[in-house]
Amino acid sequence: MTEAPFRSIAHVQLAMPKGAEDAARMFYRDLLGMVEIPKPPELAERGGVWFQSGKVQIHLGVEENFRPATKAHPALLCHDYQTLTAKLGEVGVAMHDDHSIPGVTRCHVNDCFGNRIELIAT
């Protein structure tokens, strides 16, 4: 049997508007609990910000004619789904529960830029 060609996803890239790094930090770091990681110096001048939680990385890059991703999205397996979704609800983040897969507890939220993110209970 041959080895699978891929082991995991290195990161997911989402777009953001120019100059909105502080808003990204408030959502991804302060609300989701991710850690900001430094961008390589040659990429930092482009703007944007990168975050990590365990092996999960989300890179937010500046897009000139920014439009949020409302269909395509990362799906994040949550260590403590109930606590995270309660925290998001307390600050007014709209959550849309999705019961379309039997036995899977999940919802969709939008980040501060309108990008769709799926949260899945483990």
N, C-alpha and C. Protein backbone atom coordinates (compact mmCIF):
# COMPACT_ATOMS: atom_id res chain seq x y z
N MET A 1 0.86 -1.18 0.00
CA MET A 1 0.00 0.00 0.00
C MET A 1 0.90 1.24 0.00
N THR A 2 0.58 2.21 -0.82
CA THR A 2 1.39 3.43 -0.87
C THR A 2 0.91 4.42 0.18
N GLU A 3 1.84 5.24 0.59
CA GLU A 3 1.53 6.27 1.60
C GLU A 3 0.63 7.34 0.98
N ALA A 4 -0.30 7.85 1.77
CA ALA A 4 -1.17 8.92 1.30
C ALA A 4 -0.33 10.14 0.94
N PRO A 5 -0.71 10.88 -0.08
CA PRO A 5 0.12 11.99 -0.52
C PRO A 5 0.17 13.17 0.46
N PHE A 6 -0.80 13.29 1.36
CA PHE A 6 -0.83 14.41 2.30
C PHE A 6 -1.02 13.90 3.72
N ARG A 7 -0.43 14.59 4.69
CA ARG A 7 -0.56 14.22 6.10
C ARG A 7 -1.55 15.10 6.85
N SER A 8 -1.56 16.37 6.51
CA SER A 8 -2.48 17.31 7.16
C SER A 8 -2.47 18.61 6.37
N ILE A 9 -3.29 19.52 6.77
CA ILE A 9 -3.30 20.86 6.17
C ILE A 9 -2.31 21.72 6.95
N ALA A 10 -1.43 22.41 6.26
CA ALA A 10 -0.45 23.27 6.91
C ALA A 10 -1.12 24.52 7.47
N HIS A 11 -2.02 25.11 6.71
CA HIS A 11 -2.76 26.27 7.17
C HIS A 11 -3.94 26.52 6.25
N VAL A 12 -4.84 27.37 6.71
CA VAL A 12 -5.94 27.85 5.89
C VAL A 12 -5.75 29.35 5.74
N GLN A 13 -5.88 29.85 4.53
CA GLN A 13 -5.75 31.28 4.26
C GLN A 13 -7.14 31.86 4.11
N LEU A 14 -7.41 32.93 4.86
CA LEU A 14 -8.64 33.70 4.72
C LEU A 14 -8.25 35.13 4.38
N ALA A 15 -9.14 35.84 3.72
CA ALA A 15 -8.87 37.22 3.34
C ALA A 15 -9.42 38.18 4.39
N MET A 16 -8.82 39.36 4.41
CA MET A 16 -9.26 40.44 5.30
C MET A 16 -9.01 41.77 4.61
N PRO A 17 -9.68 42.83 5.04
CA PRO A 17 -9.42 44.14 4.45
C PRO A 17 -8.09 44.72 4.95
N LYS A 18 -7.54 45.61 4.19
CA LYS A 18 -6.28 46.29 4.54
C LYS A 18 -6.43 47.07 5.85
N GLY A 19 -5.43 46.95 6.71
CA GLY A 19 -5.39 47.73 7.94
C GLY A 19 -6.27 47.22 9.07
N ALA A 20 -6.80 46.01 8.95
CA ALA A 20 -7.75 45.49 9.95
C ALA A 20 -7.12 44.43 10.86
N GLU A 21 -5.80 44.48 11.04
CA GLU A 21 -5.12 43.48 11.87
C GLU A 21 -5.62 43.49 13.31
N ASP A 22 -5.90 44.67 13.88
CA ASP A 22 -6.38 44.71 15.26
C ASP A 22 -7.74 44.04 15.42
N ALA A 23 -8.61 44.22 14.44
CA ALA A 23 -9.91 43.54 14.48
C ALA A 23 -9.71 42.03 14.41
N ALA A 24 -8.78 41.58 13.56
CA ALA A 24 -8.48 40.15 13.47
C ALA A 24 -7.97 39.62 14.81
N ARG A 25 -7.10 40.37 15.46
CA ARG A 25 -6.58 39.95 16.77
C ARG A 25 -7.71 39.83 17.80
N MET A 26 -8.62 40.78 17.78
CA MET A 26 -9.73 40.72 18.74
C MET A 26 -10.57 39.47 18.52
N PHE A 27 -10.81 39.09 17.28
CA PHE A 27 -11.64 37.92 17.02
C PHE A 27 -10.86 36.62 17.22
N TYR A 28 -9.77 36.44 16.51
CA TYR A 28 -9.06 35.16 16.51
C TYR A 28 -8.28 34.92 17.80
N ARG A 29 -7.64 35.95 18.34
CA ARG A 29 -6.86 35.78 19.57
C ARG A 29 -7.77 35.89 20.79
N ASP A 30 -8.49 37.00 20.90
CA ASP A 30 -9.24 37.28 22.13
C ASP A 30 -10.51 36.44 22.26
N LEU A 31 -11.22 36.20 21.17
CA LEU A 31 -12.46 35.42 21.26
C LEU A 31 -12.24 33.93 21.04
N LEU A 32 -11.53 33.57 19.96
CA LEU A 32 -11.32 32.14 19.69
C LEU A 32 -10.21 31.53 20.54
N GLY A 33 -9.33 32.36 21.09
CA GLY A 33 -8.26 31.84 21.95
C GLY A 33 -7.03 31.35 21.20
N MET A 34 -6.89 31.75 19.94
CA MET A 34 -5.70 31.36 19.18
C MET A 34 -4.52 32.26 19.57
N VAL A 35 -3.32 31.82 19.23
CA VAL A 35 -2.12 32.58 19.53
C VAL A 35 -1.60 33.19 18.23
N GLU A 36 -1.27 34.48 18.28
CA GLU A 36 -0.69 35.11 17.10
C GLU A 36 0.73 34.59 16.91
N ILE A 37 1.07 34.24 15.69
CA ILE A 37 2.43 33.80 15.39
C ILE A 37 3.04 34.79 14.40
N PRO A 38 4.35 35.00 14.48
CA PRO A 38 4.97 35.99 13.60
C PRO A 38 5.00 35.53 12.15
N LYS A 39 4.76 36.49 11.28
CA LYS A 39 4.91 36.23 9.85
C LYS A 39 6.38 36.40 9.50
N PRO A 40 6.88 35.68 8.52
CA PRO A 40 8.25 35.92 8.07
C PRO A 40 8.40 37.39 7.65
N PRO A 41 9.55 38.00 7.95
CA PRO A 41 9.74 39.43 7.65
C PRO A 41 9.41 39.80 6.20
N GLU A 42 9.76 38.95 5.25
CA GLU A 42 9.49 39.26 3.85
C GLU A 42 7.99 39.24 3.52
N LEU A 43 7.17 38.63 4.37
CA LEU A 43 5.72 38.63 4.16
C LEU A 43 5.01 39.65 5.04
N ALA A 44 5.62 40.03 6.15
CA ALA A 44 4.98 40.93 7.11
C ALA A 44 4.64 42.29 6.50
N GLU A 45 5.46 42.75 5.56
CA GLU A 45 5.20 44.05 4.95
C GLU A 45 3.92 44.08 4.12
N ARG A 46 3.39 42.92 3.77
CA ARG A 46 2.14 42.85 3.00
C ARG A 46 0.91 43.10 3.86
N GLY A 47 1.09 43.08 5.18
CA GLY A 47 -0.05 43.18 6.08
C GLY A 47 -0.61 41.80 6.38
N GLY A 48 -1.68 41.78 7.15
CA GLY A 48 -2.28 40.51 7.54
C GLY A 48 -1.70 40.02 8.85
N VAL A 49 -2.22 38.91 9.31
CA VAL A 49 -1.80 38.36 10.60
C VAL A 49 -2.06 36.86 10.60
N TRP A 50 -1.20 36.11 11.31
CA TRP A 50 -1.32 34.65 11.37
C TRP A 50 -1.60 34.22 12.80
N PHE A 51 -2.41 33.14 12.93
CA PHE A 51 -2.78 32.61 14.24
C PHE A 51 -2.61 31.10 14.25
N GLN A 52 -2.41 30.56 15.47
CA GLN A 52 -2.24 29.12 15.63
C GLN A 52 -2.91 28.67 16.92
N SER A 53 -3.44 27.44 16.88
CA SER A 53 -3.96 26.75 18.06
C SER A 53 -3.62 25.28 17.86
N GLY A 54 -2.68 24.77 18.65
CA GLY A 54 -2.21 23.41 18.42
C GLY A 54 -1.60 23.32 17.03
N LYS A 55 -2.07 22.37 16.22
CA LYS A 55 -1.56 22.21 14.85
C LYS A 55 -2.34 23.04 13.84
N VAL A 56 -3.38 23.73 14.29
CA VAL A 56 -4.24 24.50 13.39
C VAL A 56 -3.67 25.90 13.20
N GLN A 57 -3.48 26.29 11.95
CA GLN A 57 -3.06 27.65 11.63
C GLN A 57 -4.07 28.30 10.69
N ILE A 58 -4.40 29.55 10.98
CA ILE A 58 -5.22 30.36 10.10
C ILE A 58 -4.40 31.60 9.77
N HIS A 59 -4.18 31.82 8.47
CA HIS A 59 -3.45 32.98 7.99
C HIS A 59 -4.47 33.94 7.39
N LEU A 60 -4.47 35.17 7.87
CA LEU A 60 -5.33 36.19 7.30
C LEU A 60 -4.48 37.11 6.46
N GLY A 61 -4.79 37.18 5.18
CA GLY A 61 -4.03 38.00 4.25
C GLY A 61 -4.88 39.13 3.70
N VAL A 62 -4.23 40.26 3.47
CA VAL A 62 -4.92 41.43 2.94
C VAL A 62 -5.29 41.19 1.48
N GLU A 63 -6.53 41.50 1.16
CA GLU A 63 -7.01 41.41 -0.21
C GLU A 63 -7.55 42.78 -0.60
N GLU A 64 -7.00 43.33 -1.69
CA GLU A 64 -7.37 44.70 -2.12
C GLU A 64 -8.87 44.90 -2.24
N ASN A 65 -9.52 44.11 -3.04
CA ASN A 65 -10.97 44.21 -3.22
C ASN A 65 -11.64 43.14 -2.37
N PHE A 66 -11.48 43.28 -1.07
CA PHE A 66 -11.92 42.25 -0.13
C PHE A 66 -13.41 41.96 -0.25
N ARG A 67 -13.71 40.66 -0.27
CA ARG A 67 -15.08 40.14 -0.14
C ARG A 67 -14.99 38.94 0.78
N PRO A 68 -15.83 38.83 1.78
CA PRO A 68 -15.75 37.69 2.70
C PRO A 68 -16.12 36.38 2.01
N ALA A 69 -15.52 35.31 2.51
CA ALA A 69 -15.86 33.96 2.04
C ALA A 69 -17.11 33.52 2.79
N THR A 70 -18.23 33.50 2.11
CA THR A 70 -19.49 33.17 2.77
C THR A 70 -19.91 31.71 2.58
N LYS A 71 -19.25 31.00 1.69
CA LYS A 71 -19.54 29.57 1.48
C LYS A 71 -18.32 28.73 1.86
N ALA A 72 -17.19 28.96 1.19
CA ALA A 72 -15.95 28.25 1.53
C ALA A 72 -15.56 28.63 2.95
N HIS A 73 -15.05 27.65 3.71
CA HIS A 73 -14.75 27.93 5.12
C HIS A 73 -13.85 26.86 5.72
N PRO A 74 -13.10 27.24 6.78
CA PRO A 74 -12.42 26.22 7.57
C PRO A 74 -13.41 25.62 8.55
N ALA A 75 -13.23 24.36 8.87
CA ALA A 75 -14.03 23.68 9.90
C ALA A 75 -13.07 23.31 11.03
N LEU A 76 -13.34 23.83 12.21
CA LEU A 76 -12.44 23.67 13.35
C LEU A 76 -13.03 22.71 14.37
N LEU A 77 -12.27 21.67 14.72
CA LEU A 77 -12.68 20.75 15.78
C LEU A 77 -12.38 21.42 17.11
N CYS A 78 -13.40 21.58 17.95
CA CYS A 78 -13.26 22.35 19.19
C CYS A 78 -13.04 21.44 20.40
N HIS A 79 -12.04 21.77 21.19
CA HIS A 79 -11.75 21.05 22.42
C HIS A 79 -12.90 21.19 23.41
N ASP A 80 -13.42 22.41 23.57
CA ASP A 80 -14.52 22.67 24.49
C ASP A 80 -15.57 23.52 23.76
N TYR A 81 -16.32 22.86 22.92
CA TYR A 81 -17.32 23.50 22.07
C TYR A 81 -18.32 24.33 22.88
N GLN A 82 -18.83 23.77 23.96
CA GLN A 82 -19.86 24.45 24.74
C GLN A 82 -19.35 25.77 25.32
N THR A 83 -18.15 25.75 25.88
CA THR A 83 -17.58 26.96 26.47
C THR A 83 -17.31 28.01 25.39
N LEU A 84 -16.74 27.56 24.26
CA LEU A 84 -16.44 28.51 23.19
C LEU A 84 -17.71 29.13 22.62
N THR A 85 -18.71 28.33 22.33
CA THR A 85 -19.93 28.88 21.75
C THR A 85 -20.66 29.77 22.75
N ALA A 86 -20.59 29.44 24.04
CA ALA A 86 -21.19 30.31 25.06
C ALA A 86 -20.47 31.66 25.08
N LYS A 87 -19.16 31.64 25.03
CA LYS A 87 -18.36 32.87 25.02
C LYS A 87 -18.70 33.73 23.80
N LEU A 88 -18.79 33.10 22.65
CA LEU A 88 -19.13 33.84 21.43
C LEU A 88 -20.53 34.44 21.52
N GLY A 89 -21.46 33.66 22.06
CA GLY A 89 -22.83 34.15 22.22
C GLY A 89 -22.92 35.33 23.17
N GLU A 90 -22.11 35.31 24.24
CA GLU A 90 -22.12 36.40 25.22
C GLU A 90 -21.70 37.73 24.62
N VAL A 91 -20.85 37.70 23.61
CA VAL A 91 -20.39 38.95 23.00
C VAL A 91 -21.15 39.27 21.71
N GLY A 92 -22.19 38.50 21.44
CA GLY A 92 -23.07 38.83 20.32
C GLY A 92 -22.71 38.24 18.98
N VAL A 93 -21.80 37.26 18.94
CA VAL A 93 -21.48 36.60 17.68
C VAL A 93 -22.65 35.69 17.31
N ALA A 94 -23.22 35.90 16.15
CA ALA A 94 -24.35 35.08 15.70
C ALA A 94 -23.86 33.68 15.35
N MET A 95 -24.56 32.67 15.85
CA MET A 95 -24.23 31.28 15.57
C MET A 95 -25.43 30.62 14.91
N HIS A 96 -25.14 29.85 13.88
CA HIS A 96 -26.20 29.15 13.17
C HIS A 96 -25.96 27.65 13.34
N ASP A 97 -26.74 27.03 14.24
CA ASP A 97 -26.61 25.60 14.46
C ASP A 97 -26.93 24.85 13.17
N ASP A 98 -26.21 23.76 12.96
CA ASP A 98 -26.42 22.96 11.76
C ASP A 98 -26.56 21.50 12.19
N HIS A 99 -27.77 20.96 12.02
CA HIS A 99 -28.06 19.58 12.44
C HIS A 99 -28.19 18.65 11.23
N SER A 100 -27.61 19.05 10.10
CA SER A 100 -27.79 18.28 8.88
C SER A 100 -26.96 16.99 8.83
N ILE A 101 -25.98 16.84 9.72
CA ILE A 101 -25.22 15.59 9.80
C ILE A 101 -25.58 14.91 11.11
N PRO A 102 -26.28 13.79 11.07
CA PRO A 102 -26.71 13.12 12.30
C PRO A 102 -25.53 12.82 13.22
N GLY A 103 -25.71 13.12 14.51
CA GLY A 103 -24.70 12.81 15.50
C GLY A 103 -23.55 13.80 15.59
N VAL A 104 -23.59 14.87 14.79
CA VAL A 104 -22.52 15.87 14.81
C VAL A 104 -23.08 17.18 15.34
N THR A 105 -22.45 17.69 16.40
CA THR A 105 -22.83 18.99 16.95
C THR A 105 -21.92 20.03 16.33
N ARG A 106 -22.52 20.98 15.62
CA ARG A 106 -21.73 21.99 14.95
C ARG A 106 -22.55 23.24 14.70
N CYS A 107 -21.84 24.32 14.43
CA CYS A 107 -22.49 25.57 14.06
C CYS A 107 -21.58 26.34 13.12
N HIS A 108 -22.14 27.36 12.52
CA HIS A 108 -21.36 28.26 11.68
C HIS A 108 -21.42 29.65 12.29
N VAL A 109 -20.28 30.32 12.27
CA VAL A 109 -20.18 31.71 12.71
C VAL A 109 -19.46 32.48 11.61
N ASN A 110 -19.53 33.78 11.69
CA ASN A 110 -18.75 34.63 10.79
C ASN A 110 -17.71 35.36 11.63
N ASP A 111 -16.50 35.46 11.09
CA ASP A 111 -15.49 36.23 11.80
C ASP A 111 -15.83 37.71 11.68
N CYS A 112 -14.98 38.57 12.19
CA CYS A 112 -15.24 40.00 12.21
C CYS A 112 -15.29 40.61 10.81
N PHE A 113 -14.89 39.86 9.79
CA PHE A 113 -14.91 40.35 8.41
C PHE A 113 -16.02 39.71 7.58
N GLY A 114 -16.76 38.78 8.17
CA GLY A 114 -17.82 38.09 7.46
C GLY A 114 -17.42 36.76 6.87
N ASN A 115 -16.18 36.31 7.11
CA ASN A 115 -15.75 34.99 6.63
C ASN A 115 -16.42 33.91 7.46
N ARG A 116 -16.94 32.90 6.78
CA ARG A 116 -17.64 31.79 7.45
C ARG A 116 -16.63 30.85 8.11
N ILE A 117 -16.96 30.41 9.33
CA ILE A 117 -16.14 29.44 10.06
C ILE A 117 -17.09 28.41 10.67
N GLU A 118 -16.76 27.15 10.50
CA GLU A 118 -17.55 26.07 11.09
C GLU A 118 -16.86 25.60 12.37
N LEU A 119 -17.62 25.48 13.44
CA LEU A 119 -17.13 24.97 14.72
C LEU A 119 -17.78 23.62 14.97
N ILE A 120 -16.99 22.61 15.29
CA ILE A 120 -17.49 21.25 15.46
C ILE A 120 -17.08 20.74 16.84
N ALA A 121 -18.04 20.20 17.58
CA ALA A 121 -17.77 19.61 18.89
C ALA A 121 -17.05 18.27 18.69
N THR A 122 -16.06 17.98 19.54
CA THR A 122 -15.38 16.71 19.46
C THR A 122 -15.77 15.83 20.63
